[in-house]
Amino acid sequence: MIITRLDGRILTLLTEDFRAVQIDADEQEPSILGNIYIGKVKDIAKNINAAFVDLGCGVTGYYSLDANPVHHFAAPVSLREGPDGQSRPLRPGDEILVQVSRDAVKTKAPVLSAYLNLPGRYCVLTALKTSLSFSGKIADKEWKRRMSGFLMPEKDDDLGVIVRTNAADAEPEEVLEEFRRLKARYRRILESGRFRTCYSLLYSELPPYIARLRDAYDSAVQEILTDDPEICEAVKRYLAEERPRDLEKLRFYQDPLLPLSKLYSVEKILHDALQKKVWLKSGGYLVVEPTEALTAIDVNTGKYSGKKLMRETIRLINLEAAEEIARQLRLRNLSGIILVDFINMESQADRDELMRVLTAACEKDPVRTVVVDMTRLNLAELTRKRIRKPLHEQVSPARP
């Protein structure tokens, strides 16, 4: 993981086998994703069953009443119930605790939630969702049974916990201790909500570059490299408090003749990740077109000059394209609905193989990515969970 500054932004680059697989740019305006505020209800839109909540920082968020049937009223902080045992209807002027669960996207307001989540290295505390669940990437049933035995006695009735993939490499006591810290933090947030004024920020997410380090798999990050003293000190503090055994992975790079960004071609990687056309080693290429509704990806034969039969040519280009598409989705942080127009294949066996390769490539992505199906128009349908802004929006307008 390389963390450096470029054109006034902090860039985080993750490489695997000498290739970039993920690049993120911290926005010049700090992100509010994950922050918890005391917001004030401005308006109730009955036609869409939603409220618009003023966060007091020049931002109004979208709060779905279907997705949030109960509310954290700020004074007192509790689930204020009506006579039927349900949370009473929300009214303009109400002050409620909300968390920013999704960043603003173009013309869409940030999405707010009453289901407060506090992420840690090994688990995520979930308020109001009271279940104990495990990452889908943890398959060991016996390990999950043992971990449940550790966590269930510690879980309060109003809280849930999601055990993250990283926990599979940790001792149960480490996971349990982190859950206790998250639970204590949650109780402090609720308590402070009783006395703080409206629009107060009750909890802020870690700086994005540290949050990415927290969320990366333990086994995936073998070295953390930075050339910025301030960043180095912040990462060192985080590791000392949360992951002392990983302190040895941190390296401070110093070379006045060859900056870190030049050594790893960070500027070129960023430039290429913002282009529509992506060349494949075979000579074929992809055209990546993000829109507000979905992302369309077209696969083309391009300069391919192989001597194989046309069926085999198309098969090889499509298989290479499937691997590269999975990489590009992660590299560019593209999410939502993705439609891929592969080169048409007549053989059902070839189409089945293509979908298997695409599915396997997407399963490596730490962000949940689902290969849905091949449509009747021979378009591969995928969905990728939307968390942060795509790369092209992270760097705009500095790099249009």
Protein backbone atom coordinates (compact mmCIF):
# COMPACT_ATOMS: atom_id res chain seq x y z
CA MET A 1 0.00 0.00 0.00
CA ILE A 2 1.48 3.31 -1.15
CA ILE A 3 0.22 6.54 0.44
CA THR A 4 1.48 9.80 -1.05
CA ARG A 5 0.44 13.31 -2.02
CA LEU A 6 -0.14 14.35 -5.62
CA ASP A 7 -1.49 17.72 -6.75
CA GLY A 8 -2.62 18.56 -3.23
CA ARG A 9 -4.49 15.27 -2.71
CA ILE A 10 -3.64 12.19 -0.67
CA LEU A 11 -3.58 9.15 -2.97
CA THR A 12 -3.69 5.56 -1.75
CA LEU A 13 -2.48 2.93 -4.19
CA LEU A 14 -2.69 -0.81 -3.58
CA THR A 15 -0.55 -3.06 -5.76
CA GLU A 16 -0.56 -6.82 -6.19
CA ASP A 17 2.03 -8.69 -8.23
CA PHE A 18 3.45 -5.33 -9.37
CA ARG A 19 0.09 -4.17 -10.79
CA ALA A 20 -2.24 -1.52 -9.37
CA VAL A 21 -5.53 -3.02 -8.22
CA GLN A 22 -6.99 -0.09 -6.29
CA ILE A 23 -6.43 3.66 -6.26
CA ASP A 24 -8.29 6.21 -4.18
CA ALA A 25 -7.98 9.98 -3.94
CA ASP A 26 -8.96 11.80 -0.79
CA GLU A 27 -11.25 14.66 -1.73
CA GLN A 28 -10.14 18.22 -1.11
CA GLU A 29 -13.35 18.66 0.88
CA PRO A 30 -13.31 15.99 3.63
CA SER A 31 -15.84 13.21 3.11
CA ILE A 32 -18.68 12.92 5.62
CA LEU A 33 -19.26 9.23 4.87
CA GLY A 34 -19.65 7.30 8.13
CA ASN A 35 -20.08 10.42 10.27
CA ILE A 36 -22.85 10.53 12.88
CA TYR A 37 -24.73 13.82 13.42
CA ILE A 38 -27.65 15.23 15.32
CA GLY A 39 -29.73 16.35 12.35
CA LYS A 40 -32.98 18.27 12.10
CA VAL A 41 -35.86 17.08 9.95
CA LYS A 42 -36.58 19.80 7.37
CA ASP A 43 -39.36 18.19 5.41
CA ILE A 44 -41.32 14.96 4.97
CA ALA A 45 -41.94 13.91 1.37
CA LYS A 46 -44.96 11.64 1.66
CA ASN A 47 -45.00 10.73 -2.04
CA ILE A 48 -41.64 8.97 -1.69
CA ASN A 49 -42.00 8.19 2.03
CA ALA A 50 -38.76 9.94 2.92
CA ALA A 51 -37.49 12.77 5.06
CA PHE A 52 -34.86 15.38 4.27
CA VAL A 53 -32.59 16.00 7.23
CA ASP A 54 -30.39 19.07 7.68
CA LEU A 55 -26.94 18.15 9.03
CA GLY A 56 -25.98 21.76 9.65
CA CYS A 57 -22.80 21.66 7.55
CA GLY A 58 -24.42 22.94 4.38
CA VAL A 59 -25.64 19.41 3.63
CA THR A 60 -29.16 17.99 3.56
CA GLY A 61 -29.42 14.21 3.48
CA TYR A 62 -32.02 11.75 2.20
CA TYR A 63 -33.57 9.59 4.94
CA SER A 64 -35.85 6.79 3.74
CA LEU A 65 -38.74 6.10 6.09
CA ASP A 66 -39.20 2.65 4.57
CA ALA A 67 -35.58 1.74 5.34
CA ASN A 68 -35.69 3.43 8.77
CA PRO A 69 -38.94 2.48 10.55
CA VAL A 70 -37.53 3.52 13.96
CA HIS A 71 -35.56 6.64 14.84
CA HIS A 72 -32.93 7.78 17.32
CA PHE A 73 -34.54 10.90 18.75
CA ALA A 74 -31.87 13.15 20.18
CA ALA A 75 -33.56 14.37 23.36
CA PRO A 76 -33.66 12.09 25.14
CA VAL A 77 -31.66 9.64 23.03
CA SER A 78 -33.97 6.68 22.77
CA LEU A 79 -36.36 5.02 20.40
CA ARG A 80 -39.39 7.12 21.29
CA GLU A 81 -42.30 4.76 20.87
CA GLY A 82 -45.94 5.42 20.18
CA PRO A 83 -48.92 3.66 21.77
CA ASP A 84 -48.68 0.75 19.34
CA GLY A 85 -45.12 -0.05 20.37
CA GLN A 86 -43.65 1.35 17.18
CA SER A 87 -41.47 4.42 16.76
CA ARG A 88 -43.75 7.41 16.42
CA PRO A 89 -44.01 9.15 13.04
CA LEU A 90 -41.28 11.63 12.25
CA ARG A 91 -42.24 15.32 12.09
CA PRO A 92 -40.52 18.42 10.70
CA GLY A 93 -38.36 19.94 13.42
CA ASP A 94 -37.51 16.62 15.08
CA GLU A 95 -33.87 16.17 16.04
CA ILE A 96 -32.54 12.69 15.32
CA LEU A 97 -29.22 10.86 15.28
CA VAL A 98 -28.28 9.80 11.76
CA GLN A 99 -25.23 8.32 10.07
CA VAL A 100 -24.13 9.09 6.52
CA SER A 101 -24.32 5.65 4.92
CA ARG A 102 -23.67 6.71 1.32
CA ASP A 103 -21.82 9.64 -0.17
CA ALA A 104 -23.56 12.19 -2.36
CA VAL A 105 -23.41 11.12 -6.01
CA LYS A 106 -23.68 13.91 -8.58
CA THR A 107 -27.18 15.35 -8.09
CA LYS A 108 -28.18 12.79 -5.44
CA ALA A 109 -28.04 13.81 -1.78
CA PRO A 110 -26.09 11.71 0.72
CA VAL A 111 -28.10 8.84 2.17
CA LEU A 112 -28.71 8.81 5.93
CA SER A 113 -29.52 5.90 8.22
CA ALA A 114 -30.75 5.35 11.77
CA TYR A 115 -28.92 2.00 11.77
CA LEU A 116 -25.66 3.27 13.20
CA ASN A 117 -22.61 1.20 12.28
CA LEU A 118 -19.20 1.42 13.96
CA PRO A 119 -16.58 -0.44 11.93
CA GLY A 120 -13.49 -1.99 13.43
CA ARG A 121 -10.68 -4.08 12.08
CA TYR A 122 -12.33 -7.40 12.86
CA CYS A 123 -16.01 -6.61 13.27
CA VAL A 124 -18.71 -4.01 12.73
CA LEU A 125 -21.10 -3.04 15.51
CA THR A 126 -24.63 -2.58 14.17
CA ALA A 127 -27.23 -0.66 16.18
CA LEU A 128 -30.89 -1.75 15.85
CA LYS A 129 -29.87 -4.74 13.69
CA THR A 130 -29.44 -7.29 16.43
CA SER A 131 -28.18 -10.36 14.57
CA LEU A 132 -24.74 -11.93 14.69
CA SER A 133 -23.47 -12.57 11.17
CA PHE A 134 -20.24 -13.40 9.40
CA SER A 135 -18.52 -12.30 6.23
CA GLY A 136 -19.48 -14.52 3.32
CA LYS A 137 -15.77 -15.11 2.71
CA ILE A 138 -15.43 -17.00 6.03
CA ALA A 139 -16.36 -20.62 5.27
CA ASP A 140 -15.09 -22.46 8.38
CA LYS A 141 -18.29 -23.48 10.22
CA GLU A 142 -16.48 -24.71 13.32
CA TRP A 143 -14.58 -21.40 13.63
CA LYS A 144 -17.85 -19.47 13.30
CA ARG A 145 -19.47 -21.63 15.97
CA ARG A 146 -16.59 -20.95 18.37
CA MET A 147 -16.62 -17.22 17.61
CA SER A 148 -20.37 -17.08 18.22
CA GLY A 149 -19.76 -18.56 21.65
CA PHE A 150 -17.36 -15.68 22.44
CA LEU A 151 -19.52 -12.86 21.10
CA MET A 152 -23.10 -13.79 21.98
CA PRO A 153 -22.71 -13.28 25.78
CA GLU A 154 -21.28 -9.79 25.08
CA LYS A 155 -24.00 -8.72 22.65
CA ASP A 156 -26.69 -6.43 24.10
CA ASP A 157 -30.30 -6.78 22.97
CA ASP A 158 -30.22 -3.57 20.90
CA LEU A 159 -26.95 -4.36 19.13
CA GLY A 160 -25.71 -6.69 16.45
CA VAL A 161 -22.29 -7.55 15.09
CA ILE A 162 -20.87 -8.47 11.71
CA VAL A 163 -17.62 -10.44 11.90
CA ARG A 164 -15.33 -9.29 9.09
CA THR A 165 -13.03 -11.39 6.91
CA ASN A 166 -9.97 -10.13 8.78
CA ALA A 167 -11.18 -11.84 11.94
CA ALA A 168 -10.44 -15.26 10.45
CA ASP A 169 -6.71 -14.58 10.97
CA ALA A 170 -7.13 -13.17 14.50
CA GLU A 171 -7.42 -14.74 17.92
CA PRO A 172 -11.01 -14.82 19.28
CA GLU A 173 -9.91 -12.70 22.25
CA GLU A 174 -8.74 -9.94 19.86
CA VAL A 175 -12.14 -9.87 18.14
CA LEU A 176 -13.94 -9.87 21.47
CA GLU A 177 -11.81 -7.02 22.84
CA GLU A 178 -12.47 -4.92 19.74
CA PHE A 179 -16.22 -5.53 20.01
CA ARG A 180 -16.12 -4.34 23.62
CA ARG A 181 -14.35 -1.13 22.56
CA LEU A 182 -16.90 -0.52 19.81
CA LYS A 183 -19.77 -1.12 22.23
CA ALA A 184 -18.33 1.38 24.72
CA ARG A 185 -17.87 3.92 21.92
CA TYR A 186 -21.49 3.46 20.82
CA ARG A 187 -22.79 4.05 24.35
CA ARG A 188 -20.70 7.25 24.59
CA ILE A 189 -22.17 8.49 21.30
CA LEU A 190 -25.72 7.94 22.56
CA GLU A 191 -24.95 9.60 25.88
CA SER A 192 -23.33 12.63 24.25
CA GLY A 193 -26.43 12.99 22.05
CA ARG A 194 -28.42 13.80 25.19
CA PHE A 195 -26.47 16.98 25.87
CA ARG A 196 -25.03 18.17 22.56
CA THR A 197 -26.77 20.79 20.44
CA CYS A 198 -28.47 20.15 17.14
CA TYR A 199 -26.09 19.68 14.16
CA SER A 200 -23.34 18.39 16.45
CA LEU A 201 -20.91 15.88 14.96
CA LEU A 202 -20.96 12.96 17.40
CA TYR A 203 -18.63 10.61 15.56
CA SER A 204 -16.33 11.00 12.58
CA GLU A 205 -14.85 8.26 10.47
CA LEU A 206 -11.09 7.77 10.31
CA PRO A 207 -9.19 9.70 7.61
CA PRO A 208 -9.89 7.84 4.36
CA TYR A 209 -6.33 6.59 3.85
CA ILE A 210 -6.32 5.05 7.35
CA ALA A 211 -9.84 3.63 6.87
CA ARG A 212 -8.59 1.88 3.72
CA LEU A 213 -5.72 0.43 5.69
CA ARG A 214 -8.15 -0.76 8.38
CA ASP A 215 -10.44 -2.36 5.81
CA ALA A 216 -7.69 -4.10 3.81
CA TYR A 217 -7.18 -7.78 4.54
CA ASP A 218 -4.34 -8.48 6.99
CA SER A 219 -2.75 -10.99 4.66
CA ALA A 220 -3.04 -8.64 1.67
CA VAL A 221 -0.93 -5.77 2.98
CA GLN A 222 2.71 -6.81 3.23
CA GLU A 223 4.16 -3.30 3.22
CA ILE A 224 2.90 0.25 3.84
CA LEU A 225 4.99 2.87 2.11
CA THR A 226 4.74 6.67 2.38
CA ASP A 227 7.00 9.64 1.75
CA ASP A 228 4.96 12.14 3.78
CA PRO A 229 6.06 12.68 7.42
CA GLU A 230 2.58 13.73 8.58
CA ILE A 231 0.93 10.68 7.00
CA CYS A 232 3.66 8.42 8.35
CA GLU A 233 3.11 9.69 11.88
CA ALA A 234 -0.70 9.28 11.62
CA VAL A 235 -0.38 5.71 10.31
CA LYS A 236 2.17 4.91 13.03
CA ARG A 237 -0.23 6.12 15.73
CA TYR A 238 -3.10 4.07 14.29
CA LEU A 239 -0.99 0.91 14.03
CA ALA A 240 0.41 1.36 17.55
CA GLU A 241 -3.12 1.59 18.98
CA GLU A 242 -4.95 -0.94 16.81
CA ARG A 243 -2.40 -3.25 15.14
CA PRO A 244 0.98 -3.09 16.88
CA ARG A 245 2.17 -6.28 15.20
CA ASP A 246 1.94 -4.50 11.82
CA LEU A 247 4.18 -1.58 12.78
CA GLU A 248 7.11 -3.34 11.12
CA LYS A 249 5.29 -3.12 7.77
CA LEU A 250 5.43 0.69 7.77
CA ARG A 251 8.26 2.23 5.73
CA PHE A 252 9.14 5.89 5.34
CA TYR A 253 10.55 6.51 1.85
CA GLN A 254 13.17 9.22 1.35
CA ASP A 255 14.92 9.94 -1.94
CA PRO A 256 15.12 13.58 -3.15
CA LEU A 257 16.10 12.42 -6.65
CA LEU A 258 13.21 9.98 -7.17
CA PRO A 259 9.86 10.83 -5.51
CA LEU A 260 7.66 7.93 -4.45
CA SER A 261 4.98 8.91 -6.98
CA LYS A 262 7.55 8.63 -9.79
CA LEU A 263 9.00 5.38 -8.49
CA TYR A 264 5.59 3.70 -8.69
CA SER A 265 4.28 5.70 -11.70
CA VAL A 266 1.33 6.87 -9.60
CA GLU A 267 0.48 9.75 -11.94
CA LYS A 268 0.37 7.46 -15.00
CA ILE A 269 -1.74 4.87 -13.16
CA LEU A 270 -4.20 7.59 -12.16
CA HIS A 271 -4.28 8.99 -15.70
CA ASP A 272 -4.91 5.55 -17.24
CA ALA A 273 -7.64 4.76 -14.70
CA LEU A 274 -9.57 7.82 -15.88
CA GLN A 275 -9.48 6.92 -19.58
CA LYS A 276 -12.38 5.27 -21.40
CA LYS A 277 -10.19 2.86 -23.39
CA VAL A 278 -8.26 0.04 -21.70
CA TRP A 279 -5.90 -2.00 -23.87
CA LEU A 280 -5.55 -5.75 -23.29
CA LYS A 281 -2.29 -7.67 -23.78
CA SER A 282 -3.86 -9.58 -26.65
CA GLY A 283 -4.45 -6.35 -28.58
CA GLY A 284 -8.15 -6.25 -27.77
CA TYR A 285 -9.53 -3.42 -25.69
CA LEU A 286 -12.32 -2.34 -23.36
CA VAL A 287 -14.40 0.82 -23.52
CA VAL A 288 -15.61 1.82 -20.04
CA GLU A 289 -18.52 4.29 -19.94
CA PRO A 290 -19.82 5.25 -16.46
CA THR A 291 -23.19 7.01 -16.43
CA GLU A 292 -25.47 8.08 -13.59
CA ALA A 293 -27.73 5.07 -14.10
CA LEU A 294 -25.18 2.32 -14.80
CA THR A 295 -21.73 1.51 -16.18
CA ALA A 296 -21.47 0.07 -19.70
CA ILE A 297 -18.34 -1.86 -20.74
CA ASP A 298 -17.74 -2.91 -24.34
CA VAL A 299 -15.21 -5.59 -25.34
CA ASN A 300 -13.55 -5.30 -28.77
CA THR A 301 -11.04 -7.39 -30.75
CA GLY A 302 -8.93 -4.33 -31.58
CA LYS A 303 -5.40 -5.13 -32.81
CA TYR A 304 -5.56 -8.85 -32.10
CA SER A 305 -3.44 -10.61 -34.74
CA GLY A 306 -3.46 -14.20 -33.55
CA LYS A 307 -3.60 -17.05 -36.05
CA LYS A 308 -6.14 -19.15 -34.20
CA LEU A 309 -9.63 -19.87 -35.46
CA MET A 310 -12.16 -17.09 -34.93
CA ARG A 311 -14.01 -19.01 -32.19
CA GLU A 312 -10.80 -19.47 -30.22
CA THR A 313 -9.76 -15.86 -30.84
CA ILE A 314 -13.02 -14.55 -29.42
CA ARG A 315 -12.82 -16.95 -26.48
CA LEU A 316 -9.30 -15.85 -25.50
CA ILE A 317 -10.08 -12.13 -25.76
CA ASN A 318 -13.26 -12.48 -23.71
CA LEU A 319 -11.48 -14.47 -20.99
CA GLU A 320 -8.71 -11.89 -20.77
CA ALA A 321 -11.33 -9.13 -20.74
CA ALA A 322 -13.21 -10.80 -17.85
CA GLU A 323 -10.10 -10.72 -15.64
CA GLU A 324 -9.34 -7.11 -16.59
CA ILE A 325 -12.95 -5.97 -16.05
CA ALA A 326 -12.88 -7.26 -12.45
CA ARG A 327 -9.62 -5.33 -11.93
CA GLN A 328 -10.98 -2.15 -13.51
CA LEU A 329 -14.15 -2.16 -11.38
CA ARG A 330 -12.02 -2.20 -8.25
CA LEU A 331 -9.37 0.17 -9.60
CA ARG A 332 -11.96 2.78 -10.63
CA ASN A 333 -14.34 2.00 -7.74
CA LEU A 334 -17.26 1.59 -10.14
CA SER A 335 -20.46 0.40 -8.51
CA GLY A 336 -24.17 -0.08 -8.97
CA ILE A 337 -25.35 -1.81 -12.15
CA ILE A 338 -22.65 -2.85 -14.64
CA LEU A 339 -23.47 -4.21 -18.11
CA VAL A 340 -20.70 -5.87 -20.14
CA ASP A 341 -21.03 -6.39 -23.88
CA PHE A 342 -18.60 -9.24 -24.51
CA ILE A 343 -17.82 -10.32 -28.06
CA ASN A 344 -20.64 -12.68 -29.09
CA MET A 345 -19.90 -16.38 -28.70
CA GLU A 346 -21.99 -19.06 -30.37
CA SER A 347 -20.92 -21.92 -28.09
CA GLN A 348 -22.85 -22.29 -24.84
CA ALA A 349 -19.82 -24.04 -23.34
CA ASP A 350 -17.68 -20.96 -24.10
CA ARG A 351 -20.30 -18.65 -22.55
CA ASP A 352 -20.47 -20.81 -19.41
CA GLU A 353 -16.68 -20.77 -19.11
CA LEU A 354 -16.65 -16.98 -19.50
CA MET A 355 -19.17 -16.52 -16.70
CA ARG A 356 -17.17 -18.84 -14.41
CA VAL A 357 -13.97 -16.86 -15.03
CA LEU A 358 -15.75 -13.53 -14.52
CA THR A 359 -17.35 -14.75 -11.28
CA ALA A 360 -14.03 -16.06 -9.91
CA ALA A 361 -12.28 -12.78 -10.77
CA CYS A 362 -14.98 -10.70 -9.08
CA GLU A 363 -14.88 -12.83 -5.92
CA LYS A 364 -11.37 -11.47 -5.23
CA ASP A 365 -12.82 -7.97 -4.80
CA PRO A 366 -13.17 -7.00 -1.11
CA VAL A 367 -16.27 -4.97 -2.09
CA ARG A 368 -19.26 -7.24 -2.66
CA THR A 369 -19.58 -7.84 -6.41
CA VAL A 370 -22.23 -10.16 -7.84
CA VAL A 371 -22.25 -11.60 -11.37
CA VAL A 372 -25.99 -11.89 -11.97
CA ASP A 373 -26.41 -13.54 -15.36
CA MET A 374 -26.02 -13.28 -19.11
CA THR A 375 -29.08 -11.60 -20.63
CA ARG A 376 -30.86 -12.67 -23.81
CA LEU A 377 -28.98 -9.89 -25.56
CA ASN A 378 -25.68 -11.52 -24.47
CA LEU A 379 -24.93 -8.75 -21.97
CA ALA A 380 -23.31 -9.82 -18.70
CA GLU A 381 -25.09 -8.23 -15.73
CA LEU A 382 -23.14 -7.39 -12.57
CA THR A 383 -23.76 -5.37 -9.46
CA ARG A 384 -21.12 -3.92 -7.13
CA LYS A 385 -21.91 -2.46 -3.75
CA ARG A 386 -21.81 1.33 -3.73
CA ILE A 387 -19.76 2.68 -0.82
CA ARG A 388 -17.59 5.61 -1.85
CA LYS A 389 -17.59 7.78 -4.94
CA PRO A 390 -16.06 6.35 -8.11
CA LEU A 391 -12.52 7.45 -8.86
CA HIS A 392 -13.52 9.86 -11.64
CA GLU A 393 -15.73 11.74 -9.17
CA GLN A 394 -13.13 11.65 -6.40
CA VAL A 395 -10.65 13.59 -8.54
CA SER A 396 -13.06 15.96 -10.28
CA PRO A 397 -12.96 18.87 -10.92
CA ALA A 398 -9.23 18.94 -10.46
CA ARG A 399 -8.85 16.37 -13.23
CA PRO A 400 -11.89 16.68 -15.50
